[in-house]
Amino acid sequence: MSNNIQQLLVIYILVLIKFTNTELTLNNQKLEWIIGSWRSEFSGKVFWPTVPTMTFGEELIIAEAPLAKSVNVQFLNFSARAWSHTTKDHFHDEWGFITVDPFGNATLMTAGNNGFTTYEVGEVAPNKMILTLKDIGRISFSRDLPVKDLRRTFIKHDDQYLEQIIEMRTATHPSQGYLEHTRVIYTKQKK
């Protein structure tokens, strides 16, 4: 995808955020703390035994969306775009939806331009959400090692800073548990 198309998509999402006037459902009010546009120019770090440690930038947008009347569920729009801090090369995009069920459990569904789709579920607490992988799909010709498990944690430190930590297990590392793969601290963008 060209940079112009990516920029247009980001502008489109920002316009949707600005002009979408919806109320959060009672369940999704638990996610109010994470809604907005968050950006990190260079605080993202990639760690993995088979990859050199590197720095990246990322923009995360979580936006309110209207209630899907056909299923009577409100999903929030979720998008993340990452790039190399040093070369500005595009790394990957994730697009998806997030919602909270009546029991307080969050569900995040994503599709990425790296050939992966994920279905993650977890608990929402004030200013913190921990999601674990329930299912993953991938295109058959992806070059990445198969991801076996994943844990994604969001922590809002204050009104200005949000942290995301992704830990995972692949077919080769580690044999049990998780290894930290990425960590990024975002700054909330002004409306």
N, C-alpha and C. Protein backbone atom coordinates (compact mmCIF):
# COMPACT_ATOMS: atom_id res chain seq x y z
N MET A 1 0.85 -1.16 0.00
CA MET A 1 0.00 0.00 0.00
C MET A 1 0.90 1.23 0.00
N SER A 2 0.61 2.20 -0.84
CA SER A 2 1.46 3.39 -0.93
C SER A 2 1.28 4.27 0.30
N ASN A 3 2.27 5.13 0.51
CA ASN A 3 2.21 6.06 1.65
C ASN A 3 1.02 6.99 1.54
N ASN A 4 0.67 7.41 0.31
CA ASN A 4 -0.48 8.30 0.14
C ASN A 4 -1.77 7.63 0.58
N ILE A 5 -1.94 6.37 0.23
CA ILE A 5 -3.15 5.65 0.63
C ILE A 5 -3.17 5.47 2.14
N GLN A 6 -2.02 5.14 2.74
CA GLN A 6 -1.95 4.99 4.19
C GLN A 6 -2.30 6.31 4.88
N GLN A 7 -1.78 7.42 4.36
CA GLN A 7 -2.07 8.72 4.96
C GLN A 7 -3.55 9.04 4.85
N LEU A 8 -4.16 8.72 3.70
CA LEU A 8 -5.59 8.96 3.53
C LEU A 8 -6.41 8.12 4.50
N LEU A 9 -6.01 6.86 4.72
CA LEU A 9 -6.71 6.01 5.68
C LEU A 9 -6.63 6.58 7.09
N VAL A 10 -5.46 7.06 7.48
CA VAL A 10 -5.29 7.65 8.81
C VAL A 10 -6.15 8.89 8.94
N ILE A 11 -6.17 9.75 7.92
CA ILE A 11 -7.00 10.96 7.95
C ILE A 11 -8.47 10.57 8.05
N TYR A 12 -8.89 9.55 7.29
CA TYR A 12 -10.27 9.08 7.34
C TYR A 12 -10.65 8.63 8.75
N ILE A 13 -9.78 7.87 9.38
CA ILE A 13 -10.05 7.40 10.75
C ILE A 13 -10.14 8.57 11.71
N LEU A 14 -9.22 9.53 11.57
CA LEU A 14 -9.25 10.69 12.46
C LEU A 14 -10.54 11.49 12.27
N VAL A 15 -11.00 11.62 11.04
CA VAL A 15 -12.27 12.31 10.78
C VAL A 15 -13.42 11.54 11.42
N LEU A 16 -13.40 10.21 11.29
CA LEU A 16 -14.44 9.40 11.93
C LEU A 16 -14.45 9.61 13.43
N ILE A 17 -13.25 9.63 14.03
CA ILE A 17 -13.16 9.84 15.47
C ILE A 17 -13.75 11.19 15.84
N LYS A 18 -13.39 12.21 15.09
CA LYS A 18 -13.80 13.56 15.43
C LYS A 18 -15.31 13.76 15.27
N PHE A 19 -15.90 13.15 14.23
CA PHE A 19 -17.29 13.43 13.92
C PHE A 19 -18.26 12.32 14.31
N THR A 20 -17.75 11.23 14.84
CA THR A 20 -18.64 10.18 15.31
C THR A 20 -19.11 10.57 16.70
N ASN A 21 -20.40 10.79 16.81
CA ASN A 21 -20.95 11.22 18.09
C ASN A 21 -21.83 10.09 18.62
N THR A 22 -21.21 9.12 19.22
CA THR A 22 -21.96 8.00 19.76
C THR A 22 -21.69 7.90 21.25
N GLU A 23 -22.65 7.36 21.93
CA GLU A 23 -22.46 7.10 23.35
C GLU A 23 -21.96 5.68 23.52
N LEU A 24 -21.06 5.51 24.46
CA LEU A 24 -20.58 4.17 24.77
C LEU A 24 -21.68 3.39 25.47
N THR A 25 -21.80 2.12 25.12
CA THR A 25 -22.71 1.26 25.86
C THR A 25 -22.18 1.12 27.28
N LEU A 26 -23.02 0.66 28.17
CA LEU A 26 -22.62 0.48 29.56
C LEU A 26 -21.39 -0.42 29.66
N ASN A 27 -21.38 -1.51 28.89
CA ASN A 27 -20.23 -2.42 28.93
C ASN A 27 -18.96 -1.74 28.44
N ASN A 28 -19.06 -1.01 27.33
CA ASN A 28 -17.87 -0.39 26.75
C ASN A 28 -17.39 0.84 27.50
N GLN A 29 -18.17 1.33 28.46
CA GLN A 29 -17.68 2.43 29.28
C GLN A 29 -16.43 2.03 30.05
N LYS A 30 -16.23 0.73 30.23
CA LYS A 30 -15.01 0.25 30.89
C LYS A 30 -13.77 0.49 30.04
N LEU A 31 -13.95 0.80 28.75
CA LEU A 31 -12.83 1.08 27.84
C LEU A 31 -12.64 2.57 27.59
N GLU A 32 -13.41 3.39 28.25
CA GLU A 32 -13.34 4.83 27.99
C GLU A 32 -11.92 5.38 28.16
N TRP A 33 -11.16 4.83 29.08
CA TRP A 33 -9.81 5.30 29.38
C TRP A 33 -8.82 5.10 28.23
N ILE A 34 -9.12 4.19 27.31
CA ILE A 34 -8.18 3.88 26.24
C ILE A 34 -8.57 4.53 24.91
N ILE A 35 -9.76 5.09 24.83
CA ILE A 35 -10.23 5.68 23.58
C ILE A 35 -9.41 6.92 23.24
N GLY A 36 -9.06 7.02 21.97
CA GLY A 36 -8.34 8.19 21.49
C GLY A 36 -7.25 7.81 20.51
N SER A 37 -6.47 8.81 20.17
CA SER A 37 -5.34 8.63 19.27
C SER A 37 -4.07 8.72 20.11
N TRP A 38 -3.25 7.69 20.04
CA TRP A 38 -2.02 7.57 20.82
C TRP A 38 -0.86 7.40 19.85
N ARG A 39 0.27 8.03 20.14
CA ARG A 39 1.39 7.96 19.19
C ARG A 39 2.72 7.90 19.94
N SER A 40 3.62 7.11 19.37
CA SER A 40 4.99 7.03 19.86
C SER A 40 5.90 7.17 18.65
N GLU A 41 6.79 8.13 18.68
CA GLU A 41 7.70 8.32 17.54
C GLU A 41 8.86 7.32 17.58
N PHE A 42 9.36 7.03 18.79
CA PHE A 42 10.56 6.19 18.86
C PHE A 42 10.69 5.38 20.13
N SER A 43 9.66 5.28 20.94
CA SER A 43 9.82 4.54 22.21
C SER A 43 9.52 3.06 22.08
N GLY A 44 9.03 2.61 20.94
CA GLY A 44 8.73 1.19 20.76
C GLY A 44 10.00 0.37 20.63
N LYS A 45 10.03 -0.76 21.30
CA LYS A 45 11.20 -1.66 21.23
C LYS A 45 10.73 -3.06 20.85
N VAL A 46 11.47 -3.68 19.93
CA VAL A 46 11.22 -5.07 19.52
C VAL A 46 12.32 -5.92 20.12
N PHE A 47 11.92 -7.02 20.78
CA PHE A 47 12.86 -7.97 21.36
C PHE A 47 12.48 -9.36 20.85
N TRP A 48 13.44 -10.13 20.41
CA TRP A 48 13.18 -11.53 20.08
C TRP A 48 14.51 -12.22 19.86
N PRO A 49 14.64 -13.47 20.32
CA PRO A 49 15.94 -14.16 20.21
C PRO A 49 16.49 -14.26 18.79
N THR A 50 15.62 -14.31 17.79
CA THR A 50 16.09 -14.50 16.42
C THR A 50 16.09 -13.21 15.60
N VAL A 51 15.81 -12.07 16.25
CA VAL A 51 15.73 -10.79 15.54
C VAL A 51 16.56 -9.76 16.30
N PRO A 52 17.30 -8.90 15.58
CA PRO A 52 18.02 -7.85 16.30
C PRO A 52 17.05 -6.91 17.01
N THR A 53 17.40 -6.48 18.22
CA THR A 53 16.57 -5.51 18.94
C THR A 53 16.52 -4.23 18.12
N MET A 54 15.32 -3.67 17.98
CA MET A 54 15.18 -2.46 17.18
C MET A 54 14.15 -1.54 17.80
N THR A 55 14.17 -0.30 17.34
CA THR A 55 13.27 0.74 17.82
C THR A 55 12.24 1.03 16.73
N PHE A 56 11.00 1.27 17.15
CA PHE A 56 9.96 1.58 16.17
C PHE A 56 9.03 2.65 16.70
N GLY A 57 8.31 3.27 15.78
CA GLY A 57 7.25 4.20 16.12
C GLY A 57 5.92 3.53 15.83
N GLU A 58 4.88 3.98 16.51
CA GLU A 58 3.56 3.38 16.28
C GLU A 58 2.47 4.38 16.61
N GLU A 59 1.41 4.32 15.83
CA GLU A 59 0.22 5.10 16.11
C GLU A 59 -0.92 4.12 16.38
N LEU A 60 -1.60 4.32 17.49
CA LEU A 60 -2.71 3.47 17.92
C LEU A 60 -3.95 4.35 18.00
N ILE A 61 -5.01 3.94 17.33
CA ILE A 61 -6.26 4.69 17.37
C ILE A 61 -7.38 3.75 17.80
N ILE A 62 -8.04 4.11 18.88
CA ILE A 62 -9.21 3.37 19.35
C ILE A 62 -10.35 4.37 19.39
N ALA A 63 -11.38 4.11 18.58
CA ALA A 63 -12.44 5.10 18.38
C ALA A 63 -13.81 4.50 18.64
N GLU A 64 -14.69 5.36 19.13
CA GLU A 64 -16.08 4.95 19.33
C GLU A 64 -16.71 4.64 17.99
N ALA A 65 -17.65 3.75 18.00
CA ALA A 65 -18.38 3.38 16.79
C ALA A 65 -19.85 3.19 17.14
N PRO A 66 -20.72 3.36 16.17
CA PRO A 66 -22.15 3.18 16.45
C PRO A 66 -22.47 1.74 16.83
N LEU A 67 -23.58 1.58 17.50
CA LEU A 67 -24.09 0.26 17.87
C LEU A 67 -24.46 -0.51 16.60
N ALA A 68 -24.02 -1.76 16.51
CA ALA A 68 -24.42 -2.62 15.39
C ALA A 68 -25.81 -3.16 15.72
N LYS A 69 -26.82 -2.54 15.16
CA LYS A 69 -28.20 -2.87 15.52
C LYS A 69 -28.55 -4.32 15.21
N SER A 70 -27.94 -4.90 14.19
CA SER A 70 -28.28 -6.27 13.82
C SER A 70 -27.94 -7.27 14.91
N VAL A 71 -26.92 -6.97 15.71
CA VAL A 71 -26.53 -7.88 16.80
C VAL A 71 -26.61 -7.20 18.16
N ASN A 72 -26.99 -5.92 18.17
CA ASN A 72 -27.13 -5.13 19.39
C ASN A 72 -25.84 -5.11 20.21
N VAL A 73 -24.71 -4.99 19.51
CA VAL A 73 -23.40 -4.92 20.15
C VAL A 73 -22.64 -3.73 19.59
N GLN A 74 -21.98 -3.01 20.47
CA GLN A 74 -21.13 -1.91 20.03
C GLN A 74 -19.67 -2.36 20.06
N PHE A 75 -19.02 -2.27 18.93
CA PHE A 75 -17.59 -2.53 18.85
C PHE A 75 -16.89 -1.20 18.66
N LEU A 76 -15.74 -1.04 19.30
CA LEU A 76 -14.91 0.13 19.07
C LEU A 76 -13.94 -0.21 17.94
N ASN A 77 -13.63 0.77 17.10
CA ASN A 77 -12.65 0.57 16.03
C ASN A 77 -11.25 0.59 16.62
N PHE A 78 -10.40 -0.30 16.14
CA PHE A 78 -9.02 -0.45 16.63
C PHE A 78 -8.09 -0.43 15.42
N SER A 79 -7.08 0.42 15.45
CA SER A 79 -6.07 0.39 14.39
C SER A 79 -4.70 0.73 14.97
N ALA A 80 -3.69 0.08 14.43
CA ALA A 80 -2.31 0.34 14.83
C ALA A 80 -1.44 0.30 13.58
N ARG A 81 -0.54 1.28 13.47
CA ARG A 81 0.37 1.36 12.34
C ARG A 81 1.77 1.58 12.89
N ALA A 82 2.70 0.69 12.52
CA ALA A 82 4.07 0.75 13.06
C ALA A 82 5.08 0.95 11.94
N TRP A 83 6.17 1.65 12.27
CA TRP A 83 7.22 1.94 11.31
C TRP A 83 8.59 1.91 11.99
N SER A 84 9.63 1.72 11.20
CA SER A 84 11.00 1.74 11.72
C SER A 84 11.36 3.15 12.14
N HIS A 85 11.92 3.29 13.33
CA HIS A 85 12.34 4.61 13.79
C HIS A 85 13.50 5.13 12.95
N THR A 86 14.43 4.26 12.59
CA THR A 86 15.64 4.71 11.90
C THR A 86 15.42 4.94 10.40
N THR A 87 14.71 4.04 9.73
CA THR A 87 14.55 4.16 8.28
C THR A 87 13.19 4.71 7.87
N LYS A 88 12.24 4.75 8.80
CA LYS A 88 10.85 5.14 8.54
C LYS A 88 10.11 4.14 7.66
N ASP A 89 10.74 2.98 7.40
CA ASP A 89 10.07 1.93 6.63
C ASP A 89 8.84 1.44 7.39
N HIS A 90 7.80 1.14 6.66
CA HIS A 90 6.56 0.64 7.24
C HIS A 90 6.77 -0.78 7.74
N PHE A 91 6.38 -1.07 9.00
CA PHE A 91 6.48 -2.42 9.55
C PHE A 91 5.19 -3.20 9.30
N HIS A 92 4.11 -2.77 9.93
CA HIS A 92 2.85 -3.48 9.75
C HIS A 92 1.68 -2.65 10.24
N ASP A 93 0.49 -3.07 9.85
CA ASP A 93 -0.76 -2.47 10.30
C ASP A 93 -1.61 -3.56 10.95
N GLU A 94 -2.40 -3.15 11.92
CA GLU A 94 -3.43 -4.01 12.50
C GLU A 94 -4.73 -3.22 12.46
N TRP A 95 -5.80 -3.87 12.03
CA TRP A 95 -7.12 -3.26 12.01
C TRP A 95 -8.06 -4.22 12.73
N GLY A 96 -9.01 -3.67 13.46
CA GLY A 96 -9.92 -4.58 14.13
C GLY A 96 -10.97 -3.87 14.96
N PHE A 97 -11.51 -4.65 15.89
CA PHE A 97 -12.62 -4.19 16.72
C PHE A 97 -12.43 -4.72 18.13
N ILE A 98 -12.90 -3.92 19.09
CA ILE A 98 -12.81 -4.32 20.49
C ILE A 98 -14.15 -4.01 21.17
N THR A 99 -14.55 -4.88 22.08
CA THR A 99 -15.80 -4.68 22.82
C THR A 99 -15.67 -5.35 24.18
N VAL A 100 -16.61 -5.04 25.07
CA VAL A 100 -16.66 -5.65 26.41
C VAL A 100 -18.02 -6.32 26.57
N ASP A 101 -18.00 -7.55 27.07
CA ASP A 101 -19.26 -8.29 27.26
C ASP A 101 -19.88 -7.92 28.62
N PRO A 102 -21.10 -8.38 28.89
CA PRO A 102 -21.78 -8.04 30.15
C PRO A 102 -21.04 -8.51 31.41
N PHE A 103 -20.10 -9.44 31.28
CA PHE A 103 -19.35 -9.94 32.43
C PHE A 103 -18.04 -9.18 32.65
N GLY A 104 -17.77 -8.17 31.81
CA GLY A 104 -16.57 -7.37 31.97
C GLY A 104 -15.35 -7.88 31.22
N ASN A 105 -15.54 -8.87 30.36
CA ASN A 105 -14.42 -9.40 29.57
C ASN A 105 -14.33 -8.68 28.24
N ALA A 106 -13.13 -8.28 27.87
CA ALA A 106 -12.91 -7.61 26.59
C ALA A 106 -12.57 -8.64 25.52
N THR A 107 -12.98 -8.35 24.30
CA THR A 107 -12.62 -9.15 23.14
C THR A 107 -12.03 -8.22 22.10
N LEU A 108 -10.85 -8.56 21.60
CA LEU A 108 -10.19 -7.82 20.52
C LEU A 108 -10.00 -8.77 19.35
N MET A 109 -10.49 -8.35 18.19
CA MET A 109 -10.30 -9.12 16.96
C MET A 109 -9.50 -8.24 16.02
N THR A 110 -8.38 -8.78 15.49
CA THR A 110 -7.55 -7.99 14.59
C THR A 110 -7.23 -8.76 13.31
N ALA A 111 -6.96 -8.00 12.27
CA ALA A 111 -6.41 -8.54 11.02
C ALA A 111 -5.23 -7.64 10.68
N GLY A 112 -4.11 -8.25 10.35
CA GLY A 112 -2.91 -7.47 10.05
C GLY A 112 -2.42 -7.71 8.65
N ASN A 113 -1.65 -6.73 8.14
CA ASN A 113 -1.10 -6.89 6.80
C ASN A 113 0.17 -7.74 6.82
N ASN A 114 0.39 -8.44 7.93
CA ASN A 114 1.47 -9.42 8.02
C ASN A 114 0.94 -10.85 7.83
N GLY A 115 -0.34 -10.97 7.51
CA GLY A 115 -0.91 -12.28 7.24
C GLY A 115 -1.57 -12.95 8.43
N PHE A 116 -1.69 -12.24 9.56
CA PHE A 116 -2.26 -12.82 10.77
C PHE A 116 -3.61 -12.21 11.09
N THR A 117 -4.50 -13.02 11.66
CA THR A 117 -5.71 -12.54 12.31
C THR A 117 -5.70 -13.10 13.72
N THR A 118 -6.15 -12.30 14.68
CA THR A 118 -6.16 -12.78 16.06
C THR A 118 -7.52 -12.55 16.69
N TYR A 119 -7.80 -13.39 17.66
CA TYR A 119 -8.99 -13.29 18.50
C TYR A 119 -8.46 -13.39 19.93
N GLU A 120 -8.54 -12.27 20.67
CA GLU A 120 -7.96 -12.18 22.00
C GLU A 120 -9.05 -11.81 23.01
N VAL A 121 -8.99 -12.40 24.20
CA VAL A 121 -9.99 -12.16 25.23
C VAL A 121 -9.28 -11.93 26.56
N GLY A 122 -9.85 -11.05 27.38
CA GLY A 122 -9.24 -10.82 28.69
C GLY A 122 -10.05 -9.88 29.55
N GLU A 123 -9.46 -9.55 30.68
CA GLU A 123 -10.13 -8.73 31.68
C GLU A 123 -9.79 -7.25 31.51
N VAL A 124 -10.79 -6.43 31.81
CA VAL A 124 -10.60 -4.98 31.82
C VAL A 124 -10.71 -4.51 33.26
N ALA A 125 -9.73 -3.75 33.69
CA ALA A 125 -9.74 -3.12 35.01
C ALA A 125 -9.57 -1.62 34.76
N PRO A 126 -9.76 -0.80 35.77
CA PRO A 126 -9.50 0.62 35.56
C PRO A 126 -8.05 0.83 35.08
N ASN A 127 -7.92 1.43 33.90
CA ASN A 127 -6.62 1.79 33.32
C ASN A 127 -5.71 0.61 33.00
N LYS A 128 -6.27 -0.60 32.88
CA LYS A 128 -5.46 -1.76 32.53
C LYS A 128 -6.33 -2.81 31.85
N MET A 129 -5.75 -3.44 30.83
CA MET A 129 -6.44 -4.53 30.14
C MET A 129 -5.39 -5.55 29.73
N ILE A 130 -5.66 -6.82 30.05
CA ILE A 130 -4.76 -7.91 29.68
C ILE A 130 -5.56 -8.89 28.83
N LEU A 131 -5.09 -9.09 27.60
CA LEU A 131 -5.76 -9.98 26.65
C LEU A 131 -4.85 -11.15 26.33
N THR A 132 -5.44 -12.33 26.20
CA THR A 132 -4.67 -13.51 25.79
C THR A 132 -5.28 -14.09 24.53
N LEU A 133 -4.44 -14.69 23.74
CA LEU A 133 -4.83 -15.26 22.46
C LEU A 133 -5.77 -16.45 22.65
N LYS A 134 -6.88 -16.43 21.95
CA LYS A 134 -7.80 -17.56 21.94
C LYS A 134 -7.74 -18.30 20.61
N ASP A 135 -7.46 -17.55 19.54
CA ASP A 135 -7.36 -18.19 18.23
C ASP A 135 -6.53 -17.28 17.32
N ILE A 136 -5.84 -17.90 16.37
CA ILE A 136 -5.03 -17.16 15.41
C ILE A 136 -5.17 -17.81 14.05
N GLY A 137 -5.21 -16.98 13.04
CA GLY A 137 -5.23 -17.47 11.67
C GLY A 137 -4.07 -16.82 10.93
N ARG A 138 -3.57 -17.50 9.92
CA ARG A 138 -2.45 -16.94 9.16
C ARG A 138 -2.52 -17.45 7.73
N ILE A 139 -2.02 -16.64 6.82
CA ILE A 139 -1.97 -17.08 5.44
C ILE A 139 -0.92 -18.18 5.31
N SER A 140 -1.12 -19.07 4.38
CA SER A 140 -0.26 -20.25 4.28
C SER A 140 1.17 -19.93 3.87
N PHE A 141 1.40 -18.80 3.23
CA PHE A 141 2.74 -18.49 2.74
C PHE A 141 3.44 -17.42 3.58
N SER A 142 2.99 -17.21 4.81
CA SER A 142 3.66 -16.26 5.71
C SER A 142 5.05 -16.77 6.05
N ARG A 143 6.01 -15.85 6.11
CA ARG A 143 7.39 -16.26 6.40
C ARG A 143 7.71 -16.29 7.89
N ASP A 144 6.82 -15.75 8.72
CA ASP A 144 7.07 -15.70 10.16
C ASP A 144 6.88 -17.07 10.80
N LEU A 145 7.57 -17.27 11.93
CA LEU A 145 7.36 -18.49 12.71
C LEU A 145 5.93 -18.52 13.23
N PRO A 146 5.31 -19.68 13.27
CA PRO A 146 3.95 -19.76 13.79
C PRO A 146 3.88 -19.30 15.24
N VAL A 147 2.99 -18.34 15.51
CA VAL A 147 2.74 -17.87 16.87
C VAL A 147 1.84 -18.89 17.55
N LYS A 148 2.26 -19.37 18.71
CA LYS A 148 1.49 -20.37 19.46
C LYS A 148 0.64 -19.74 20.55
N ASP A 149 1.13 -18.64 21.14
CA ASP A 149 0.40 -17.97 22.21
C ASP A 149 0.83 -16.52 22.25
N LEU A 150 -0.05 -15.67 22.78
CA LEU A 150 0.21 -14.24 22.82
C LEU A 150 -0.53 -13.63 24.01
N ARG A 151 0.11 -12.67 24.65
CA ARG A 151 -0.54 -11.89 25.71
C ARG A 151 -0.26 -10.42 25.41
N ARG A 152 -1.33 -9.61 25.38
CA ARG A 152 -1.24 -8.19 25.08
C ARG A 152 -1.75 -7.42 26.30
N THR A 153 -0.93 -6.52 26.82
CA THR A 153 -1.29 -5.74 28.01
C THR A 153 -1.28 -4.26 27.67
N PHE A 154 -2.36 -3.57 28.03
CA PHE A 154 -2.43 -2.12 27.93
C PHE A 154 -2.48 -1.55 29.34
N ILE A 155 -1.66 -0.54 29.61
CA ILE A 155 -1.66 0.13 30.91
C ILE A 155 -1.67 1.63 30.67
N LYS A 156 -2.68 2.31 31.20
CA LYS A 156 -2.70 3.77 31.12
C LYS A 156 -2.05 4.30 32.39
N HIS A 157 -0.89 4.94 32.22
CA HIS A 157 -0.13 5.42 33.38
C HIS A 157 -0.70 6.72 33.93
N ASP A 158 -1.18 7.58 33.06
CA ASP A 158 -1.83 8.82 33.46
C ASP A 158 -2.59 9.34 32.24
N ASP A 159 -3.08 10.58 32.29
CA ASP A 159 -3.88 11.10 31.18
C ASP A 159 -3.09 11.25 29.89
N GLN A 160 -1.77 11.22 29.98
CA GLN A 160 -0.94 11.46 28.80
C GLN A 160 -0.27 10.20 28.24
N TYR A 161 -0.03 9.18 29.07
CA TYR A 161 0.78 8.04 28.63
C TYR A 161 0.04 6.70 28.73
N LEU A 162 0.17 5.92 27.66
CA LEU A 162 -0.40 4.57 27.57
C LEU A 162 0.73 3.64 27.14
N GLU A 163 0.82 2.48 27.78
CA GLU A 163 1.85 1.50 27.45
C GLU A 163 1.19 0.24 26.92
N GLN A 164 1.80 -0.36 25.89
CA GLN A 164 1.36 -1.65 25.38
C GLN A 164 2.55 -2.61 25.39
N ILE A 165 2.33 -3.79 25.95
CA ILE A 165 3.36 -4.83 26.01
C ILE A 165 2.79 -6.06 25.33
N ILE A 166 3.54 -6.62 24.38
CA ILE A 166 3.13 -7.86 23.74
C ILE A 166 4.16 -8.93 24.06
N GLU A 167 3.67 -10.02 24.63
CA GLU A 167 4.51 -11.18 24.94
C GLU A 167 3.96 -12.34 24.11
N MET A 168 4.85 -13.23 23.67
CA MET A 168 4.35 -14.33 22.87
C MET A 168 5.24 -15.56 22.96
N ARG A 169 4.74 -16.62 22.36
CA ARG A 169 5.48 -17.86 22.21
C ARG A 169 5.30 -18.32 20.77
N THR A 170 6.41 -18.67 20.11
CA THR A 170 6.34 -19.18 18.74
C THR A 170 6.65 -20.67 18.75
N ALA A 171 6.77 -21.23 17.58
CA ALA A 171 7.09 -22.66 17.45
C ALA A 171 8.46 -22.98 18.04
N THR A 172 9.34 -21.97 18.16
CA THR A 172 10.71 -22.25 18.63
C THR A 172 11.09 -21.56 19.94
N HIS A 173 10.44 -20.46 20.31
CA HIS A 173 10.83 -19.71 21.52
C HIS A 173 9.60 -19.22 22.26
N PRO A 174 9.55 -19.27 23.56
CA PRO A 174 10.19 -20.23 24.45
C PRO A 174 9.41 -21.53 24.42
N SER A 175 9.89 -22.54 25.11
CA SER A 175 9.16 -23.81 25.11
C SER A 175 7.89 -23.73 25.96
N GLN A 176 7.90 -22.87 26.99
CA GLN A 176 6.71 -22.65 27.84
C GLN A 176 6.65 -21.17 28.18
N GLY A 177 5.46 -20.71 28.53
CA GLY A 177 5.30 -19.33 28.96
C GLY A 177 5.43 -18.35 27.80
N TYR A 178 5.84 -17.13 28.13
CA TYR A 178 5.93 -16.05 27.15
C TYR A 178 7.31 -15.41 27.19
N LEU A 179 7.69 -14.81 26.07
CA LEU A 179 8.83 -13.90 26.01
C LEU A 179 8.29 -12.54 25.57
N GLU A 180 8.83 -11.48 26.15
CA GLU A 180 8.42 -10.15 25.71
C GLU A 180 8.88 -9.94 24.28
N HIS A 181 7.96 -9.45 23.45
CA HIS A 181 8.27 -9.21 22.03
C HIS A 181 8.33 -7.72 21.72
N THR A 182 7.35 -6.96 22.19
CA THR A 182 7.37 -5.51 21.97
C THR A 182 6.89 -4.79 23.22
N ARG A 183 7.38 -3.56 23.34
CA ARG A 183 6.94 -2.66 24.41
C ARG A 183 6.98 -1.26 23.82
N VAL A 184 5.89 -0.53 23.99
CA VAL A 184 5.82 0.83 23.45
C VAL A 184 5.04 1.71 24.42
N ILE A 185 5.51 2.93 24.59
CA ILE A 185 4.80 3.92 25.41
C ILE A 185 4.34 5.04 24.48
N TYR A 186 3.03 5.24 24.45
CA TYR A 186 2.42 6.24 23.58
C TYR A 186 2.12 7.51 24.36
N THR A 187 2.04 8.60 23.63
CA THR A 187 1.57 9.88 24.16
C THR A 187 0.20 10.15 23.54
N LYS A 188 -0.74 10.58 24.37
CA LYS A 188 -2.09 10.88 23.86
C LYS A 188 -2.01 12.10 22.95
N GLN A 189 -2.64 12.00 21.80
CA GLN A 189 -2.65 13.10 20.84
C GLN A 189 -3.82 14.02 21.15
N LYS A 190 -3.60 15.29 20.96
CA LYS A 190 -4.66 16.27 21.21
C LYS A 190 -5.71 16.15 20.12
N LYS A 191 -6.95 16.40 20.49
CA LYS A 191 -8.07 16.30 19.53
C LYS A 191 -8.03 17.42 18.54
